Amino acid sequence: MQNTIRSVRVGRHVGMVVLLVATMVASVVGPVAVQPAAAQDDLSIQTRVQVLHADPALDKVEVHINYDEVLDEFTYGEQSDWIDFQPGGARVTITADRAGFNYAVFDAVYPAPADNDYYLIITDPLVMGGVFDTNPIPDRGARVRIVQASVALPAVTVTAKGEPNALARQLPYAATSVYTVVPAGTYDFDVALADSGEVALTVPGMVLEGNTTYDLVLMGQPGDEDHPREHRPLSDTTRERGTPTP
């Protein structure tokens, strides 16, 4: 599939296009998550995306998909509902929402096969994209991976109390861990600096439901009351292929 990339030069956001397209292409060719639809030209196949604003330095934005405005006055910390869009080559444009001219901070076209659930995370200075793995999970477990979306954090190691293996090790900004399947239940998470072992964030009592995929997004800045460090869950339910999206 041919990719079309248009870069928009607006200061600190230069280069985000490359990351998003690389992320989406990697997801398309990877062993999990993306499901190629039987007929990509069948526009009745539901394809959707969630958007998370995780850039402390960026104020309100507007988000457009295929030239349609889908989010307006979208501010830091907000997480959208599911947004349906036409699959194939999806154009995403993000503009600063302000009085007067709304200049573009991101503009790219990337492949988006039908019958998949995507997410976009607006960070500083990149926009990160990914695809949820909605395949069934053995024993009604929960599927978890870590998304490092805080440029203020160095590489981190993420552990869940009671789990023998770390969910992520030496995970730098803009990286995503592999998926891990854990029993459904309530977990306490520790996010530690990989070099020193110092715990940068503790997240107690996070509930992980069965037959659900979670991408846990690290976001925020240290010492910033308006944009505190947090572990924001993006989630999606699993389903058998060919089953309508819930």
C-alpha atoms as a PDB file:
ATOM      1  CA  MET A   1       0.000   0.000   0.000  1.00  0.00           C
ATOM      2  CA  GLN A   2       1.411   3.358  -0.999  1.00  0.00           C
ATOM      3  CA  ASN A   3       1.814   5.913   1.786  1.00  0.00           C
ATOM      4  CA  THR A   4       1.471   9.656   1.351  1.00  0.00           C
ATOM      5  CA  ILE A   5       3.204  11.868   3.907  1.00  0.00           C
ATOM      6  CA  ARG A   6       2.932  15.619   4.136  1.00  0.00           C
ATOM      7  CA  SER A   7       5.088  17.338   6.740  1.00  0.00           C
ATOM      8  CA  VAL A   8       3.973  20.568   8.360  1.00  0.00           C
ATOM      9  CA  ARG A   9       6.737  22.787   9.723  1.00  0.00           C
ATOM     10  CA  VAL A  10       5.483  24.399  12.894  1.00  0.00           C
ATOM     11  CA  GLY A  11       8.328  24.561  15.389  1.00  0.00           C
ATOM     12  CA  ARG A  12       8.551  21.752  17.885  1.00  0.00           C
ATOM     13  CA  HIS A  13       6.084  19.501  16.058  1.00  0.00           C
ATOM     14  CA  VAL A  14       8.382  18.924  13.053  1.00  0.00           C
ATOM     15  CA  GLY A  15       9.018  15.201  12.678  1.00  0.00           C
ATOM     16  CA  MET A  16       5.844  13.881  14.280  1.00  0.00           C
ATOM     17  CA  VAL A  17       4.501  12.793  10.895  1.00  0.00           C
ATOM     18  CA  VAL A  18       7.317  10.310  10.414  1.00  0.00           C
ATOM     19  CA  LEU A  19       6.729   8.709  13.808  1.00  0.00           C
ATOM     20  CA  LEU A  20       3.002   8.292  13.338  1.00  0.00           C
ATOM     21  CA  VAL A  21       3.314   6.772   9.885  1.00  0.00           C
ATOM     22  CA  ALA A  22       6.136   4.489  11.024  1.00  0.00           C
ATOM     23  CA  THR A  23       4.051   3.387  13.994  1.00  0.00           C
ATOM     24  CA  MET A  24       1.003   2.661  11.899  1.00  0.00           C
ATOM     25  CA  VAL A  25       2.983   0.803   9.218  1.00  0.00           C
ATOM     26  CA  ALA A  26       4.739  -1.256  11.889  1.00  0.00           C
ATOM     27  CA  SER A  27       1.354  -2.162  13.324  1.00  0.00           C
ATOM     28  CA  VAL A  28       0.048  -3.149   9.915  1.00  0.00           C
ATOM     29  CA  VAL A  29       2.875  -5.609   9.268  1.00  0.00           C
ATOM     30  CA  GLY A  30       3.213  -6.835  12.865  1.00  0.00           C
ATOM     31  CA  PRO A  31       2.044 -10.230  14.099  1.00  0.00           C
ATOM     32  CA  VAL A  32      -0.862  -8.919  16.186  1.00  0.00           C
ATOM     33  CA  ALA A  33      -3.561  -6.267  16.286  1.00  0.00           C
ATOM     34  CA  VAL A  34      -4.292  -5.253  12.688  1.00  0.00           C
ATOM     35  CA  GLN A  35      -6.902  -7.371  10.980  1.00  0.00           C
ATOM     36  CA  PRO A  36      -6.986  -7.113   7.182  1.00  0.00           C
ATOM     37  CA  ALA A  37     -10.619  -6.903   6.134  1.00  0.00           C
ATOM     38  CA  ALA A  38     -11.804  -9.278   3.451  1.00  0.00           C
ATOM     39  CA  ALA A  39     -12.935  -6.379   1.274  1.00  0.00           C
ATOM     40  CA  GLN A  40     -11.136  -3.144   2.022  1.00  0.00           C
ATOM     41  CA  ASP A  41     -13.440  -1.220  -0.296  1.00  0.00           C
ATOM     42  CA  ASP A  42     -16.470  -2.203   1.786  1.00  0.00           C
ATOM     43  CA  LEU A  43     -17.098   1.032   3.667  1.00  0.00           C
ATOM     44  CA  SER A  44     -19.779  -0.611   5.791  1.00  0.00           C
ATOM     45  CA  ILE A  45     -17.035  -2.305   7.846  1.00  0.00           C
ATOM     46  CA  GLN A  46     -16.667  -0.285  11.038  1.00  0.00           C
ATOM     47  CA  THR A  47     -13.274   1.309  11.608  1.00  0.00           C
ATOM     48  CA  ARG A  48     -12.777   3.668  14.531  1.00  0.00           C
ATOM     49  CA  VAL A  49     -10.266   5.621  16.606  1.00  0.00           C
ATOM     50  CA  GLN A  50      -9.855   7.102  20.087  1.00  0.00           C
ATOM     51  CA  VAL A  51      -7.855  10.305  20.578  1.00  0.00           C
ATOM     52  CA  LEU A  52      -6.003  11.329  23.749  1.00  0.00           C
ATOM     53  CA  HIS A  53      -4.543  14.813  24.306  1.00  0.00           C
ATOM     54  CA  ALA A  54      -1.338  14.262  26.298  1.00  0.00           C
ATOM     55  CA  ASP A  55       0.740  17.300  25.287  1.00  0.00           C
ATOM     56  CA  PRO A  56       1.118  19.699  28.254  1.00  0.00           C
ATOM     57  CA  ALA A  57       2.589  22.394  26.021  1.00  0.00           C
ATOM     58  CA  LEU A  58      -0.272  22.434  23.503  1.00  0.00           C
ATOM     59  CA  ASP A  59      -3.533  24.225  24.225  1.00  0.00           C
ATOM     60  CA  LYS A  60      -6.915  23.491  22.664  1.00  0.00           C
ATOM     61  CA  VAL A  61      -6.883  21.773  19.289  1.00  0.00           C
ATOM     62  CA  GLU A  62      -9.258  20.726  16.551  1.00  0.00           C
ATOM     63  CA  VAL A  63      -8.910  17.241  15.064  1.00  0.00           C
ATOM     64  CA  HIS A  64      -9.954  16.464  11.486  1.00  0.00           C
ATOM     65  CA  ILE A  65     -10.097  13.034   9.857  1.00  0.00           C
ATOM     66  CA  ASN A  66     -10.505  12.924   6.096  1.00  0.00           C
ATOM     67  CA  TYR A  67     -11.280  16.674   6.216  1.00  0.00           C
ATOM     68  CA  ASP A  68     -14.175  16.209   8.652  1.00  0.00           C
ATOM     69  CA  GLU A  69     -13.859  17.934  12.023  1.00  0.00           C
ATOM     70  CA  VAL A  70     -14.327  15.245  14.666  1.00  0.00           C
ATOM     71  CA  LEU A  71     -13.087  17.088  17.792  1.00  0.00           C
ATOM     72  CA  ASP A  72     -13.282  20.767  18.727  1.00  0.00           C
ATOM     73  CA  GLU A  73     -11.753  22.641  21.687  1.00  0.00           C
ATOM     74  CA  PHE A  74      -9.977  19.422  22.643  1.00  0.00           C
ATOM     75  CA  THR A  75      -7.748  20.141  25.655  1.00  0.00           C
ATOM     76  CA  TYR A  76      -4.999  18.406  27.626  1.00  0.00           C
ATOM     77  CA  GLY A  77      -6.167  15.304  29.478  1.00  0.00           C
ATOM     78  CA  GLU A  78      -9.309  14.843  27.388  1.00  0.00           C
ATOM     79  CA  GLN A  79      -9.977  11.448  25.847  1.00  0.00           C
ATOM     80  CA  SER A  80     -12.457  11.147  23.019  1.00  0.00           C
ATOM     81  CA  ASP A  81     -15.193   8.611  22.544  1.00  0.00           C
ATOM     82  CA  TRP A  82     -14.843   6.200  19.648  1.00  0.00           C
ATOM     83  CA  ILE A  83     -14.856   8.035  16.325  1.00  0.00           C
ATOM     84  CA  ASP A  84     -15.868   6.158  13.168  1.00  0.00           C
ATOM     85  CA  PHE A  85     -13.951   7.017  10.009  1.00  0.00           C
ATOM     86  CA  GLN A  86     -13.572   5.788   6.446  1.00  0.00           C
ATOM     87  CA  PRO A  87     -10.786   3.192   6.237  1.00  0.00           C
ATOM     88  CA  GLY A  88      -8.081   3.011   3.623  1.00  0.00           C
ATOM     89  CA  GLY A  89      -5.896   6.101   3.421  1.00  0.00           C
ATOM     90  CA  ALA A  90      -6.949   8.212   6.417  1.00  0.00           C
ATOM     91  CA  ARG A  91      -5.856  11.838   6.532  1.00  0.00           C
ATOM     92  CA  VAL A  92      -5.418  13.260  10.048  1.00  0.00           C
ATOM     93  CA  THR A  93      -5.039  17.002  10.522  1.00  0.00           C
ATOM     94  CA  ILE A  94      -4.662  18.678  13.914  1.00  0.00           C
ATOM     95  CA  THR A  95      -4.947  22.450  14.186  1.00  0.00           C
ATOM     96  CA  ALA A  96      -4.451  24.831  17.093  1.00  0.00           C
ATOM     97  CA  ASP A  97      -7.891  26.004  18.207  1.00  0.00           C
ATOM     98  CA  ARG A  98      -7.661  29.743  18.800  1.00  0.00           C
ATOM     99  CA  ALA A  99      -9.238  33.025  17.781  1.00  0.00           C
ATOM    100  CA  GLY A 100      -8.368  33.883  14.212  1.00  0.00           C
ATOM    101  CA  PHE A 101      -6.290  31.558  12.036  1.00  0.00           C
ATOM    102  CA  ASN A 102      -6.089  27.958  13.270  1.00  0.00           C
ATOM    103  CA  TYR A 103      -2.650  26.876  12.090  1.00  0.00           C
ATOM    104  CA  ALA A 104      -1.860  23.207  11.534  1.00  0.00           C
ATOM    105  CA  VAL A 105       0.369  21.382  13.992  1.00  0.00           C
ATOM    106  CA  PHE A 106       0.048  17.968  12.343  1.00  0.00           C
ATOM    107  CA  ASP A 107      -0.993  16.689   8.927  1.00  0.00           C
ATOM    108  CA  ALA A 108      -0.454  13.195   7.511  1.00  0.00           C
ATOM    109  CA  VAL A 109      -2.082  10.463   5.448  1.00  0.00           C
ATOM    110  CA  TYR A 110      -1.431   6.889   6.554  1.00  0.00           C
ATOM    111  CA  PRO A 111      -2.814   3.391   5.869  1.00  0.00           C
ATOM    112  CA  ALA A 112      -5.741   2.342   8.043  1.00  0.00           C
ATOM    113  CA  PRO A 113      -7.147  -1.085   7.097  1.00  0.00           C
ATOM    114  CA  ALA A 114     -10.838  -1.604   7.835  1.00  0.00           C
ATOM    115  CA  ASP A 115     -12.257  -3.516  10.822  1.00  0.00           C
ATOM    116  CA  ASN A 116      -9.637  -2.265  13.287  1.00  0.00           C
ATOM    117  CA  ASP A 117      -9.698  -0.037  16.353  1.00  0.00           C
ATOM    118  CA  TYR A 118      -6.965   2.620  16.483  1.00  0.00           C
ATOM    119  CA  TYR A 119      -5.738   5.266  18.885  1.00  0.00           C
ATOM    120  CA  LEU A 120      -3.918   8.567  18.471  1.00  0.00           C
ATOM    121  CA  ILE A 121      -1.994  10.193  21.333  1.00  0.00           C
ATOM    122  CA  ILE A 122      -1.043  13.859  20.982  1.00  0.00           C
ATOM    123  CA  THR A 123       2.239  14.312  22.846  1.00  0.00           C
ATOM    124  CA  ASP A 124       5.127  16.784  22.898  1.00  0.00           C
ATOM    125  CA  PRO A 125       6.662  16.825  20.324  1.00  0.00           C
ATOM    126  CA  LEU A 126       5.215  13.773  18.553  1.00  0.00           C
ATOM    127  CA  VAL A 127       1.858  12.228  17.708  1.00  0.00           C
ATOM    128  CA  MET A 128       1.801   8.500  18.479  1.00  0.00           C
ATOM    129  CA  GLY A 129      -0.541   6.064  16.788  1.00  0.00           C
ATOM    130  CA  GLY A 130      -1.381   2.437  17.461  1.00  0.00           C
ATOM    131  CA  VAL A 131      -3.835  -0.379  16.918  1.00  0.00           C
ATOM    132  CA  PHE A 132      -5.620  -2.349  19.635  1.00  0.00           C
ATOM    133  CA  ASP A 133      -5.269  -6.129  19.545  1.00  0.00           C
ATOM    134  CA  THR A 134      -8.902  -7.239  19.846  1.00  0.00           C
ATOM    135  CA  ASN A 135      -8.308 -10.947  19.334  1.00  0.00           C
ATOM    136  CA  PRO A 136      -9.828 -13.222  22.017  1.00  0.00           C
ATOM    137  CA  ILE A 137      -7.760 -13.650  25.210  1.00  0.00           C
ATOM    138  CA  PRO A 138      -7.275 -17.102  26.771  1.00  0.00           C
ATOM    139  CA  ASP A 139      -9.073 -17.751  30.075  1.00  0.00           C
ATOM    140  CA  ARG A 140     -10.893 -14.390  29.966  1.00  0.00           C
ATOM    141  CA  GLY A 141      -7.694 -12.566  30.889  1.00  0.00           C
ATOM    142  CA  ALA A 142      -6.657  -8.959  30.277  1.00  0.00           C
ATOM    143  CA  ARG A 143      -4.119  -7.917  27.634  1.00  0.00           C
ATOM    144  CA  VAL A 144      -1.816  -5.049  28.679  1.00  0.00           C
ATOM    145  CA  ARG A 145       0.983  -2.994  27.173  1.00  0.00           C
ATOM    146  CA  ILE A 146       2.687   0.256  28.163  1.00  0.00           C
ATOM    147  CA  VAL A 147       2.888   3.384  25.983  1.00  0.00           C
ATOM    148  CA  GLN A 148       5.576   5.882  27.066  1.00  0.00           C
ATOM    149  CA  ALA A 149       4.094   9.235  26.026  1.00  0.00           C
ATOM    150  CA  SER A 150       5.841  11.541  28.541  1.00  0.00           C
ATOM    151  CA  VAL A 151       8.883  13.291  27.101  1.00  0.00           C
ATOM    152  CA  ALA A 152       9.722  14.444  30.649  1.00  0.00           C
ATOM    153  CA  LEU A 153      10.373  10.861  31.752  1.00  0.00           C
ATOM    154  CA  PRO A 154      13.580   9.016  30.902  1.00  0.00           C
ATOM    155  CA  ALA A 155      13.455   5.293  30.146  1.00  0.00           C
ATOM    156  CA  VAL A 156      11.236   3.454  32.638  1.00  0.00           C
ATOM    157  CA  THR A 157      10.511  -0.010  33.960  1.00  0.00           C
ATOM    158  CA  VAL A 158       6.867  -0.770  34.757  1.00  0.00           C
ATOM    159  CA  THR A 159       5.804  -3.551  37.115  1.00  0.00           C
ATOM    160  CA  ALA A 160       2.475  -4.802  38.451  1.00  0.00           C
ATOM    161  CA  LYS A 161       2.350  -6.158  41.990  1.00  0.00           C
ATOM    162  CA  GLY A 162       1.889  -9.912  41.952  1.00  0.00           C
ATOM    163  CA  GLU A 163       3.217 -10.360  38.427  1.00  0.00           C
ATOM    164  CA  PRO A 164       6.633 -12.056  38.190  1.00  0.00           C
ATOM    165  CA  ASN A 165       7.775 -10.203  35.073  1.00  0.00           C
ATOM    166  CA  ALA A 166       7.912  -6.490  34.306  1.00  0.00           C
ATOM    167  CA  LEU A 167       5.392  -5.181  31.790  1.00  0.00           C
ATOM    168  CA  ALA A 168       8.068  -2.926  30.312  1.00  0.00           C
ATOM    169  CA  ARG A 169      11.836  -2.571  30.714  1.00  0.00           C
ATOM    170  CA  GLN A 170      14.047   0.334  29.639  1.00  0.00           C
ATOM    171  CA  LEU A 171      11.074   1.879  27.811  1.00  0.00           C
ATOM    172  CA  PRO A 172      12.015   5.323  26.423  1.00  0.00           C
ATOM    173  CA  TYR A 173       9.758   8.154  25.320  1.00  0.00           C
ATOM    174  CA  ALA A 174       7.689   7.362  22.192  1.00  0.00           C
ATOM    175  CA  ALA A 175       8.150   3.588  22.623  1.00  0.00           C
ATOM    176  CA  THR A 176       5.522   0.921  23.270  1.00  0.00           C
ATOM    177  CA  SER A 177       6.030  -2.392  25.042  1.00  0.00           C
ATOM    178  CA  VAL A 178       4.816  -5.761  23.789  1.00  0.00           C
ATOM    179  CA  TYR A 179       1.465  -7.048  24.998  1.00  0.00           C
ATOM    180  CA  THR A 180       1.326  -9.162  28.173  1.00  0.00           C
ATOM    181  CA  VAL A 181      -1.697 -11.261  29.207  1.00  0.00           C
ATOM    182  CA  VAL A 182      -2.527 -11.193  32.927  1.00  0.00           C
ATOM    183  CA  PRO A 183      -5.497 -12.520  34.928  1.00  0.00           C
ATOM    184  CA  ALA A 184      -8.349 -10.057  35.236  1.00  0.00           C
ATOM    185  CA  GLY A 185      -8.286  -8.257  38.583  1.00  0.00           C
ATOM    186  CA  THR A 186      -7.076  -5.204  40.483  1.00  0.00           C
ATOM    187  CA  TYR A 187      -3.402  -4.236  40.246  1.00  0.00           C
ATOM    188  CA  ASP A 188      -0.958  -1.789  41.786  1.00  0.00           C
ATOM    189  CA  PHE A 189       1.539  -0.450  39.253  1.00  0.00           C
ATOM    190  CA  ASP A 190       4.994   1.027  39.854  1.00  0.00           C
ATOM    191  CA  VAL A 191       6.750   3.135  37.226  1.00  0.00           C
ATOM    192  CA  ALA A 192      10.469   3.303  38.058  1.00  0.00           C
ATOM    193  CA  LEU A 193      13.340   5.090  36.359  1.00  0.00           C
ATOM    194  CA  ALA A 194      15.237   2.350  34.557  1.00  0.00           C
ATOM    195  CA  ASP A 195      18.704   3.674  35.419  1.00  0.00           C
ATOM    196  CA  SER A 196      18.286   4.335  39.141  1.00  0.00           C
ATOM    197  CA  GLY A 197      15.267   2.257  40.140  1.00  0.00           C
ATOM    198  CA  GLU A 198      13.652   5.337  41.716  1.00  0.00           C
ATOM    199  CA  VAL A 199       9.866   5.045  41.640  1.00  0.00           C
ATOM    200  CA  ALA A 200       8.506   7.968  39.634  1.00  0.00           C
ATOM    201  CA  LEU A 201       4.827   7.007  39.806  1.00  0.00           C
ATOM    202  CA  THR A 202       2.696   4.566  41.778  1.00  0.00           C
ATOM    203  CA  VAL A 203      -0.781   3.717  40.494  1.00  0.00           C
ATOM    204  CA  PRO A 204      -2.798   1.755  43.075  1.00  0.00           C
ATOM    205  CA  GLY A 205      -5.983  -0.188  42.500  1.00  0.00           C
ATOM    206  CA  MET A 206      -6.276  -0.175  38.710  1.00  0.00           C
ATOM    207  CA  VAL A 207      -8.982  -2.604  37.616  1.00  0.00           C
ATOM    208  CA  LEU A 208      -8.246  -4.730  34.551  1.00  0.00           C
ATOM    209  CA  GLU A 209     -11.367  -6.423  33.269  1.00  0.00           C
ATOM    210  CA  GLY A 210     -11.483  -9.756  31.481  1.00  0.00           C
ATOM    211  CA  ASN A 211     -11.611  -9.972  27.676  1.00  0.00           C
ATOM    212  CA  THR A 212     -10.270  -6.421  27.480  1.00  0.00           C
ATOM    213  CA  THR A 213      -7.144  -4.964  25.893  1.00  0.00           C
ATOM    214  CA  TYR A 214      -5.420  -2.077  27.674  1.00  0.00           C
ATOM    215  CA  ASP A 215      -2.824   0.355  26.382  1.00  0.00           C
ATOM    216  CA  LEU A 216      -1.625   2.165  29.520  1.00  0.00           C
ATOM    217  CA  VAL A 217      -0.319   5.604  28.575  1.00  0.00           C
ATOM    218  CA  LEU A 218       2.349   7.334  30.669  1.00  0.00           C
ATOM    219  CA  MET A 219       1.755  11.092  30.449  1.00  0.00           C
ATOM    220  CA  GLY A 220       2.276  14.325  32.380  1.00  0.00           C
ATOM    221  CA  GLN A 221       5.236  16.144  33.891  1.00  0.00           C
ATOM    222  CA  PRO A 222       6.975  15.970  37.292  1.00  0.00           C
ATOM    223  CA  GLY A 223       6.099  18.795  39.687  1.00  0.00           C
ATOM    224  CA  ASP A 224       3.318  20.125  37.465  1.00  0.00           C
ATOM    225  CA  GLU A 225      -0.010  20.297  39.286  1.00  0.00           C
ATOM    226  CA  ASP A 226      -1.882  21.097  36.088  1.00  0.00           C
ATOM    227  CA  HIS A 227      -0.316  18.185  34.179  1.00  0.00           C
ATOM    228  CA  PRO A 228       0.674  15.602  36.830  1.00  0.00           C
ATOM    229  CA  ARG A 229       2.234  12.275  35.956  1.00  0.00           C
ATOM    230  CA  GLU A 230      -0.382   9.602  35.418  1.00  0.00           C
ATOM    231  CA  HIS A 231      -0.966   6.194  33.861  1.00  0.00           C
ATOM    232  CA  ARG A 232      -4.003   6.706  31.601  1.00  0.00           C
ATOM    233  CA  PRO A 233      -5.759   3.542  30.376  1.00  0.00           C
ATOM    234  CA  LEU A 234      -7.013   3.277  26.810  1.00  0.00           C
ATOM    235  CA  SER A 235      -9.092   0.142  26.487  1.00  0.00           C
ATOM    236  CA  ASP A 236     -10.992  -1.968  23.990  1.00  0.00           C
ATOM    237  CA  THR A 237     -13.046  -5.157  24.288  1.00  0.00           C
ATOM    238  CA  THR A 238     -12.001  -8.291  22.438  1.00  0.00           C
ATOM    239  CA  ARG A 239     -14.183 -10.000  19.868  1.00  0.00           C
ATOM    240  CA  GLU A 240     -14.210 -12.846  17.400  1.00  0.00           C
ATOM    241  CA  ARG A 241     -13.323 -11.671  13.907  1.00  0.00           C
ATOM    242  CA  GLY A 242     -16.444 -10.980  11.905  1.00  0.00           C
ATOM    243  CA  THR A 243     -18.348 -10.071  15.072  1.00  0.00           C
ATOM    244  CA  PRO A 244     -19.751  -6.498  14.985  1.00  0.00           C
ATOM    245  CA  THR A 245     -17.794  -3.967  17.004  1.00  0.00           C
ATOM    246  CA  PRO A 246     -19.563  -3.328  20.367  1.00  0.00           C
END
